[in-house]
Amino acid sequence: MIDIDREMSWVTFLHEGWETKWHPVLDNEGNHMPFDEVDTMELCRSRFNVEGNWVSFGIAPTSQMIENNSVRDNL
């Protein structure tokens, strides 16, 4: 269930429904991570862009995810 009153972190991937399919960003303990533009982007970069494997993704807080709007990307 999505809590629309909390700005949590979401990620969308270019290869799988850009800005229409979203996944929660989980912290290292497995909890849905509150949105912080810098921390969320750094965590996603460390998880998805490893060993020369570039994955195009975008991140957003809950309010923008609902609007299908990636607020920051690494395209």
N, C-alpha and C. Protein backbone atom coordinates (compact mmCIF):
# COMPACT_ATOMS: atom_id res chain seq x y z
N MET A 1 0.84 -1.18 0.00
CA MET A 1 0.00 0.00 0.00
C MET A 1 0.88 1.25 0.00
N ILE A 2 0.50 2.23 -0.76
CA ILE A 2 1.26 3.47 -0.88
C ILE A 2 0.72 4.49 0.12
N ASP A 3 1.62 5.02 0.94
CA ASP A 3 1.25 6.08 1.88
C ASP A 3 1.49 7.41 1.19
N ILE A 4 0.43 8.07 0.74
CA ILE A 4 0.58 9.32 -0.01
C ILE A 4 0.95 10.51 0.87
N ASP A 5 0.98 10.32 2.16
CA ASP A 5 1.35 11.39 3.07
C ASP A 5 2.83 11.42 3.39
N ARG A 6 3.58 10.42 2.90
CA ARG A 6 5.02 10.35 3.17
C ARG A 6 5.78 10.34 1.86
N GLU A 7 6.83 11.12 1.76
CA GLU A 7 7.65 11.18 0.55
C GLU A 7 8.73 10.10 0.63
N MET A 8 8.39 8.94 0.09
CA MET A 8 9.31 7.82 0.08
C MET A 8 10.01 7.77 -1.28
N SER A 9 11.06 6.95 -1.38
CA SER A 9 11.87 6.86 -2.60
C SER A 9 11.35 5.78 -3.54
N TRP A 10 11.30 6.13 -4.83
CA TRP A 10 10.85 5.23 -5.88
C TRP A 10 11.82 5.30 -7.05
N VAL A 11 11.96 4.17 -7.76
CA VAL A 11 12.84 4.12 -8.92
C VAL A 11 12.07 3.54 -10.10
N THR A 12 12.34 4.08 -11.30
CA THR A 12 11.77 3.60 -12.54
C THR A 12 12.91 3.34 -13.51
N PHE A 13 12.76 2.36 -14.38
CA PHE A 13 13.83 1.98 -15.30
C PHE A 13 13.41 2.23 -16.74
N LEU A 14 14.36 2.73 -17.54
CA LEU A 14 14.08 3.02 -18.94
C LEU A 14 13.65 1.77 -19.69
N HIS A 15 14.23 0.64 -19.37
CA HIS A 15 13.96 -0.60 -20.10
C HIS A 15 12.68 -1.32 -19.68
N GLU A 16 11.95 -0.77 -18.71
CA GLU A 16 10.76 -1.51 -18.24
C GLU A 16 9.59 -0.61 -17.89
N GLY A 17 9.23 0.28 -18.77
CA GLY A 17 8.05 1.12 -18.52
C GLY A 17 8.39 2.43 -17.84
N TRP A 18 9.28 3.18 -18.46
CA TRP A 18 9.76 4.46 -17.92
C TRP A 18 8.60 5.31 -17.39
N GLU A 19 8.70 5.71 -16.15
CA GLU A 19 7.76 6.57 -15.45
C GLU A 19 6.34 6.01 -15.34
N THR A 20 6.16 4.74 -15.69
CA THR A 20 4.85 4.11 -15.50
C THR A 20 4.94 2.91 -14.57
N LYS A 21 6.10 2.28 -14.51
CA LYS A 21 6.32 1.17 -13.58
C LYS A 21 7.37 1.61 -12.57
N TRP A 22 7.01 1.57 -11.30
CA TRP A 22 7.89 2.06 -10.24
C TRP A 22 8.15 0.96 -9.22
N HIS A 23 9.32 1.05 -8.59
CA HIS A 23 9.70 0.11 -7.53
C HIS A 23 10.13 0.91 -6.30
N PRO A 24 9.77 0.45 -5.11
CA PRO A 24 10.24 1.15 -3.91
C PRO A 24 11.75 0.97 -3.78
N VAL A 25 12.42 2.01 -3.32
CA VAL A 25 13.86 1.92 -3.03
C VAL A 25 13.98 1.53 -1.57
N LEU A 26 14.64 0.41 -1.33
CA LEU A 26 14.80 -0.10 0.03
C LEU A 26 16.19 0.25 0.56
N ASP A 27 16.24 0.63 1.82
CA ASP A 27 17.54 0.91 2.43
C ASP A 27 18.26 -0.41 2.69
N ASN A 28 19.42 -0.35 3.29
CA ASN A 28 20.23 -1.55 3.52
C ASN A 28 19.60 -2.52 4.53
N GLU A 29 18.61 -2.07 5.26
CA GLU A 29 17.91 -2.94 6.20
C GLU A 29 16.63 -3.50 5.61
N GLY A 30 16.31 -3.14 4.37
CA GLY A 30 15.12 -3.64 3.71
C GLY A 30 13.87 -2.81 3.92
N ASN A 31 14.03 -1.60 4.46
CA ASN A 31 12.89 -0.71 4.69
C ASN A 31 12.76 0.28 3.54
N HIS A 32 11.52 0.64 3.22
CA HIS A 32 11.29 1.65 2.19
C HIS A 32 11.92 2.96 2.65
N MET A 33 12.79 3.48 1.82
CA MET A 33 13.64 4.62 2.19
C MET A 33 12.92 5.96 1.97
N PRO A 34 12.96 6.85 2.96
CA PRO A 34 12.44 8.20 2.74
C PRO A 34 13.22 8.87 1.60
N PHE A 35 12.55 9.73 0.84
CA PHE A 35 13.20 10.35 -0.32
C PHE A 35 14.16 11.45 0.10
N ASP A 36 15.35 11.36 -0.42
CA ASP A 36 16.36 12.41 -0.35
C ASP A 36 17.06 12.37 -1.70
N GLU A 37 17.00 13.45 -2.44
CA GLU A 37 17.50 13.45 -3.82
C GLU A 37 18.92 12.92 -3.95
N VAL A 38 19.81 13.33 -3.07
CA VAL A 38 21.21 12.91 -3.15
C VAL A 38 21.39 11.49 -2.67
N ASP A 39 20.89 11.17 -1.47
CA ASP A 39 21.07 9.83 -0.91
C ASP A 39 20.40 8.75 -1.76
N THR A 40 19.20 9.03 -2.25
CA THR A 40 18.49 8.05 -3.07
C THR A 40 19.25 7.79 -4.37
N MET A 41 19.72 8.85 -5.02
CA MET A 41 20.46 8.69 -6.27
C MET A 41 21.76 7.92 -6.04
N GLU A 42 22.48 8.24 -5.00
CA GLU A 42 23.74 7.54 -4.73
C GLU A 42 23.53 6.06 -4.44
N LEU A 43 22.49 5.75 -3.66
CA LEU A 43 22.19 4.35 -3.36
C LEU A 43 21.82 3.60 -4.65
N CYS A 44 20.98 4.19 -5.48
CA CYS A 44 20.58 3.54 -6.73
C CYS A 44 21.78 3.38 -7.67
N ARG A 45 22.62 4.38 -7.77
CA ARG A 45 23.82 4.25 -8.60
C ARG A 45 24.69 3.10 -8.12
N SER A 46 24.85 2.98 -6.82
CA SER A 46 25.72 1.92 -6.28
C SER A 46 25.11 0.53 -6.52
N ARG A 47 23.80 0.45 -6.60
CA ARG A 47 23.15 -0.85 -6.81
C ARG A 47 22.98 -1.22 -8.28
N PHE A 48 22.71 -0.24 -9.12
CA PHE A 48 22.34 -0.56 -10.50
C PHE A 48 23.44 -0.30 -11.52
N ASN A 49 24.41 0.53 -11.21
CA ASN A 49 25.49 0.82 -12.15
C ASN A 49 26.80 0.29 -11.59
N VAL A 50 26.96 -1.01 -11.68
CA VAL A 50 28.15 -1.66 -11.12
C VAL A 50 28.96 -2.34 -12.22
N GLU A 51 30.25 -2.35 -12.04
CA GLU A 51 31.19 -3.05 -12.92
C GLU A 51 30.94 -2.73 -14.39
N GLY A 52 30.79 -1.46 -14.71
CA GLY A 52 30.62 -1.06 -16.10
C GLY A 52 29.26 -1.35 -16.71
N ASN A 53 28.33 -1.84 -15.93
CA ASN A 53 26.98 -2.14 -16.41
C ASN A 53 26.09 -0.93 -16.14
N TRP A 54 25.84 -0.11 -17.17
CA TRP A 54 25.05 1.10 -17.01
C TRP A 54 23.57 0.77 -17.15
N VAL A 55 22.79 1.13 -16.15
CA VAL A 55 21.35 0.95 -16.18
C VAL A 55 20.72 2.34 -16.10
N SER A 56 19.88 2.68 -17.06
CA SER A 56 19.22 3.99 -17.06
C SER A 56 18.01 3.94 -16.15
N PHE A 57 17.97 4.83 -15.17
CA PHE A 57 16.86 4.86 -14.22
C PHE A 57 16.56 6.28 -13.80
N GLY A 58 15.42 6.46 -13.18
CA GLY A 58 15.02 7.74 -12.62
C GLY A 58 14.47 7.52 -11.23
N ILE A 59 14.52 8.55 -10.41
CA ILE A 59 14.02 8.46 -9.04
C ILE A 59 12.98 9.55 -8.80
N ALA A 60 12.15 9.31 -7.80
CA ALA A 60 11.12 10.29 -7.45
C ALA A 60 10.60 10.04 -6.05
N PRO A 61 10.10 11.12 -5.41
CA PRO A 61 9.36 10.93 -4.16
C PRO A 61 7.94 10.47 -4.51
N THR A 62 7.22 10.01 -3.53
CA THR A 62 5.88 9.47 -3.75
C THR A 62 4.97 10.42 -4.53
N SER A 63 4.95 11.69 -4.17
CA SER A 63 4.04 12.64 -4.84
C SER A 63 4.32 12.74 -6.34
N GLN A 64 5.56 12.63 -6.75
CA GLN A 64 5.90 12.71 -8.16
C GLN A 64 5.76 11.35 -8.86
N MET A 65 6.02 10.28 -8.14
CA MET A 65 5.81 8.95 -8.69
C MET A 65 4.35 8.78 -9.10
N ILE A 66 3.43 9.24 -8.27
CA ILE A 66 2.00 9.15 -8.57
C ILE A 66 1.67 9.92 -9.85
N GLU A 67 2.40 10.99 -10.11
CA GLU A 67 2.21 11.80 -11.32
C GLU A 67 3.01 11.27 -12.51
N ASN A 68 3.68 10.12 -12.34
CA ASN A 68 4.54 9.55 -13.40
C ASN A 68 5.63 10.52 -13.82
N ASN A 69 6.31 11.07 -12.81
CA ASN A 69 7.33 12.09 -13.07
C ASN A 69 8.62 11.75 -12.33
N SER A 70 9.62 11.37 -13.09
CA SER A 70 10.94 11.16 -12.51
C SER A 70 11.58 12.53 -12.27
N VAL A 71 11.95 12.83 -11.04
CA VAL A 71 12.52 14.15 -10.75
C VAL A 71 14.03 14.23 -10.98
N ARG A 72 14.67 13.07 -11.04
CA ARG A 72 16.10 13.03 -11.31
C ARG A 72 16.41 11.70 -11.99
N ASP A 73 17.27 11.75 -13.00
CA ASP A 73 17.59 10.51 -13.70
C ASP A 73 19.07 10.45 -14.03
N ASN A 74 19.49 9.31 -14.53
CA ASN A 74 20.87 9.13 -14.96
C ASN A 74 20.91 8.63 -16.39
N LEU A 75 20.01 9.16 -17.23
CA LEU A 75 19.94 8.74 -18.63
C LEU A 75 21.18 9.17 -19.39
